[in-house]
Protein backbone atom coordinates (compact mmCIF):
# COMPACT_ATOMS: atom_id res chain seq x y z
CA MET A 1 111.76 80.77 102.28
CA LYS A 2 112.37 81.55 98.42
CA PHE A 3 109.44 80.79 95.90
CA ASP A 4 110.96 79.61 92.79
CA ASN A 5 108.01 80.27 90.70
CA ILE A 6 107.73 83.97 91.13
CA GLU A 7 108.37 86.13 88.16
CA SER A 8 111.93 87.82 88.82
CA SER A 9 110.64 91.30 87.49
CA ASN A 10 108.13 92.98 85.30
CA LYS A 11 108.80 95.20 82.53
CA TYR A 12 108.65 98.57 84.45
CA LEU A 13 109.71 97.21 88.00
CA GLU A 14 113.36 98.67 88.05
CA ASN A 15 112.04 102.14 86.80
CA ILE A 16 109.38 102.13 89.57
CA LEU A 17 111.74 101.18 92.29
CA ASN A 18 114.23 103.86 91.23
CA ILE A 19 111.44 106.63 91.23
CA ILE A 20 110.72 105.49 94.71
CA ARG A 21 114.48 105.61 95.78
CA MET A 22 115.00 109.00 94.20
CA GLY A 23 111.80 110.38 95.56
CA ILE A 24 112.38 109.28 99.12
CA TYR A 25 116.06 110.68 98.93
CA GLN A 26 114.92 114.12 97.55
CA ASN A 27 112.60 114.19 100.56
CA LEU A 28 114.46 112.94 103.25
CA GLN A 29 115.19 116.42 105.04
CA LYS A 30 111.81 117.64 104.45
CA LEU A 31 109.42 114.74 106.06
CA LYS A 32 108.83 115.40 109.53
CA GLN A 33 108.09 112.86 112.30
CA THR A 34 104.96 114.88 113.37
CA GLN A 35 103.39 115.11 110.28
CA ARG A 36 100.07 112.92 109.46
CA GLU A 37 100.59 109.95 107.54
CA GLY A 38 98.44 111.59 104.42
CA LEU A 39 100.93 114.66 104.40
CA LYS A 40 103.80 112.75 104.40
CA THR A 41 102.40 110.58 101.65
CA GLN A 42 101.27 113.37 99.37
CA GLN A 43 104.91 115.18 99.34
CA LEU A 44 106.65 111.73 98.43
CA VAL A 45 103.67 111.20 95.55
CA ASP A 46 104.38 114.53 94.10
CA SER A 47 108.16 113.80 93.65
CA PHE A 48 107.33 110.45 92.64
CA ASN A 49 105.06 111.83 89.79
CA ILE A 50 107.58 114.45 88.58
CA ILE A 51 110.44 111.79 88.70
CA GLY A 52 108.37 109.55 86.65
CA THR A 53 106.73 111.95 83.99
CA THR A 54 109.65 114.39 83.44
CA SER A 55 113.01 112.86 84.24
CA ARG A 56 115.34 111.54 81.63
CA PHE A 57 116.25 109.17 84.48
CA CYS A 58 113.16 107.08 83.64
CA GLU A 59 113.29 105.14 80.58
CA GLU A 60 109.29 105.13 80.34
CA TRP A 61 106.57 107.68 81.06
CA ILE A 62 105.13 106.65 84.54
CA GLY A 63 102.44 108.69 86.24
CA VAL A 64 102.10 108.55 90.05
CA GLN A 65 98.81 109.47 91.89
CA LYS A 66 97.35 109.28 95.55
CA GLU A 67 94.46 106.93 96.72
CA HIS A 68 93.36 104.49 93.89
CA GLU A 69 89.92 104.28 93.70
CA ARG A 70 88.20 100.85 92.77
CA LYS A 71 84.92 100.32 91.05
CA ASP A 72 83.86 97.33 93.00
CA SER A 73 85.48 98.22 96.41
CA THR A 74 85.84 101.08 98.96
CA CYS A 75 89.31 99.83 99.53
CA GLN A 76 91.86 102.32 98.33
CA GLU A 77 95.72 102.10 97.78
CA ASP A 78 97.67 104.70 99.15
CA ILE A 79 99.66 105.19 95.83
CA TYR A 80 99.32 104.00 92.38
CA PHE A 81 101.90 103.99 89.39
CA TYR A 82 100.20 103.94 85.82
CA LEU A 83 101.06 104.29 82.28
CA ASN A 84 100.46 106.82 79.87
CA ASP A 85 98.05 104.86 77.61
CA ASP A 86 94.25 104.95 77.01
CA LYS A 87 93.49 102.89 80.08
CA HIS A 88 95.93 104.51 82.42
CA THR A 89 96.87 100.74 83.24
CA ARG A 90 97.84 100.56 86.78
CA ILE A 91 101.31 98.79 86.93
CA PHE A 92 102.38 99.02 90.67
CA TYR A 93 100.69 99.72 93.87
CA ALA A 94 101.98 100.96 97.30
CA GLU A 95 100.59 101.42 100.87
CA ALA A 96 102.22 103.79 103.26
CA LYS A 97 102.27 102.50 107.09
CA ARG A 98 103.39 104.38 110.24
CA LEU A 99 105.58 102.49 112.85
CA PRO A 100 103.91 102.61 115.15
CA LYS A 101 100.57 102.97 114.26
CA TYR A 102 98.63 106.44 114.84
CA LYS A 103 98.13 106.91 118.42
CA SER A 104 100.05 104.11 119.76
CA SER A 105 103.53 103.90 121.20
CA SER A 106 104.21 100.14 119.90
CA ASP A 107 101.42 98.57 117.99
CA GLU A 108 101.53 98.33 113.99
CA GLU A 109 99.40 97.25 111.31
CA TYR A 110 102.07 96.46 109.08
CA ILE A 111 101.23 92.55 108.59
CA THR A 112 97.68 92.44 109.96
CA GLY A 113 95.19 94.55 111.78
CA ARG A 114 91.45 95.25 112.01
CA SER A 115 90.05 98.41 111.15
CA SER A 116 87.20 100.25 113.42
CA ASN A 117 84.37 98.27 111.49
CA GLU A 118 86.54 95.07 111.55
CA ASN A 119 87.88 95.32 108.23
CA PRO A 120 91.16 93.62 107.45
CA SER A 121 93.65 96.63 107.81
CA GLY A 122 96.94 94.88 107.83
CA GLY A 123 99.53 96.21 105.05
CA ILE A 124 100.83 92.57 103.64
CA GLN A 125 97.11 91.06 105.06
CA ARG A 126 95.51 93.12 102.16
CA TYR A 127 97.63 92.25 99.46
CA LYS A 128 97.33 88.69 100.41
CA LEU A 129 93.55 88.77 100.38
CA GLY A 130 93.56 90.35 96.98
CA ILE A 131 91.64 93.75 98.82
CA HIS A 132 94.71 95.55 97.39
CA GLY A 133 97.03 95.31 94.64
CA SER A 134 96.25 93.13 91.67
CA TYR A 135 96.65 89.25 91.10
CA ASP A 136 97.93 90.01 87.75
CA LEU A 137 100.90 91.94 89.35
CA LYS A 138 103.77 89.85 91.01
CA HIS A 139 105.25 93.11 92.67
CA ASN A 140 103.68 95.56 95.40
CA GLY A 141 105.20 97.65 97.76
CA ILE A 142 105.13 99.54 101.48
CA ILE A 143 106.67 102.40 102.35
CA ALA A 144 107.10 102.78 105.96
CA TYR A 145 107.54 105.91 108.39
CA VAL A 146 109.54 104.98 111.35
CA GLU A 147 108.75 107.18 113.92
CA ASN A 148 110.14 105.64 117.00
CA LYS A 149 112.44 102.66 118.14
CA SER A 150 115.04 101.57 115.65
CA ILE A 151 114.91 99.89 112.33
CA ASP A 152 116.48 96.80 113.80
CA ASP A 153 113.80 96.96 116.64
CA TRP A 154 111.01 97.12 114.05
CA ILE A 155 112.57 94.74 111.73
CA SER A 156 113.09 92.18 114.53
CA LEU A 157 109.10 92.78 115.72
CA ILE A 158 107.84 92.50 112.08
CA ASN A 159 109.83 89.38 111.39
CA ASN A 160 108.56 87.76 114.35
CA LYS A 161 105.07 88.46 113.75
CA LEU A 162 105.29 87.45 109.95
CA SER A 163 106.50 83.96 111.23
CA LYS A 164 103.65 83.32 113.34
CA GLU A 165 100.87 84.73 111.30
CA TYR A 166 101.97 83.56 107.93
CA PRO A 167 104.81 80.96 108.46
CA ASN A 168 104.48 79.87 104.68
CA ASP A 169 105.83 83.30 103.47
CA SER A 170 109.29 84.70 103.70
CA LEU A 171 110.62 87.23 106.04
CA LEU A 172 111.80 90.64 105.17
CA VAL A 173 115.48 90.49 104.03
CA GLN A 174 117.73 93.39 103.31
CA GLY A 175 118.64 94.51 99.58
CA ASN A 176 121.70 96.24 98.29
CA ASN A 177 120.27 99.59 99.44
CA ILE A 178 119.86 100.55 103.18
CA ASN A 179 116.41 100.46 104.42
CA GLU A 180 115.30 98.71 101.68
CA TYR A 181 113.45 95.04 102.04
CA THR A 182 111.94 92.40 100.04
CA SER A 183 109.62 89.42 100.79
CA ASN A 184 107.78 86.91 99.14
CA HIS A 185 104.11 86.03 100.07
CA GLN A 186 101.54 83.54 99.10
CA PHE A 187 97.86 84.67 98.06
CA ILE A 188 95.17 83.54 100.51
CA ASN A 189 92.13 82.88 98.39
CA LYS A 190 93.97 82.32 95.07
CA GLU A 191 97.22 79.97 94.17
CA GLY A 192 100.26 81.86 93.34
CA TYR A 193 102.70 84.28 95.03
CA PHE A 194 103.73 87.86 94.94
CA ILE A 195 106.81 89.94 95.91
CA MET A 196 106.56 93.02 98.63
CA ASN A 197 109.37 95.75 98.09
CA HIS A 198 109.58 97.51 101.17
CA PHE A 199 111.07 101.20 101.82
CA TRP A 200 111.61 101.96 105.36
CA ILE A 201 112.06 105.98 106.08
CA ASN A 202 114.01 106.51 109.29
CA LEU A 203 112.32 109.73 111.08
CA THR A 204 113.96 109.06 114.39
CA GLY A 205 117.62 109.68 113.99
CA LYS A 206 118.21 106.02 115.20
CA GLN A 207 120.00 103.34 113.07
């Protein structure tokens, strides 16, 4: 499904997506299947931040940090991108997810899930609920570490679950870059839609 009333981009989006692409490319040979999710994410964030703040490749100074702390919630986005202004304005949030989730062979929390204390833990779910991201931002991200099965297997599983859990949302659709997808989603507690930018990192050697 296509939502025609979604803003096509924001001022910094293409810079942000290129930072992520370049950072993933720089770390493809360094990321290990057996590393903890937090270590993988920190490694990427370090690269993202260097690219965003020092590279001529970026038109704007864009800082990147791990674990965004909120004043009104204990929930944290894994990664956030921000500007070098007085408020360090947040302009993009991204979650990191393992496929499969930790200590599982096939389960995932990519779309929906429940934490040990029964709070929503799904990547897309949290954005739809407004727990993650911001209603003012029309673009968010998920970086997936694919640690077993193939990319095609997970795309099929994720899209099947997405069509059942949120039938009014779109499926993940591949863009012009390998292992990069987009999907459109409706907020649950508020009118409006947002776009998810998905970056999948294949750590299995399978296609």
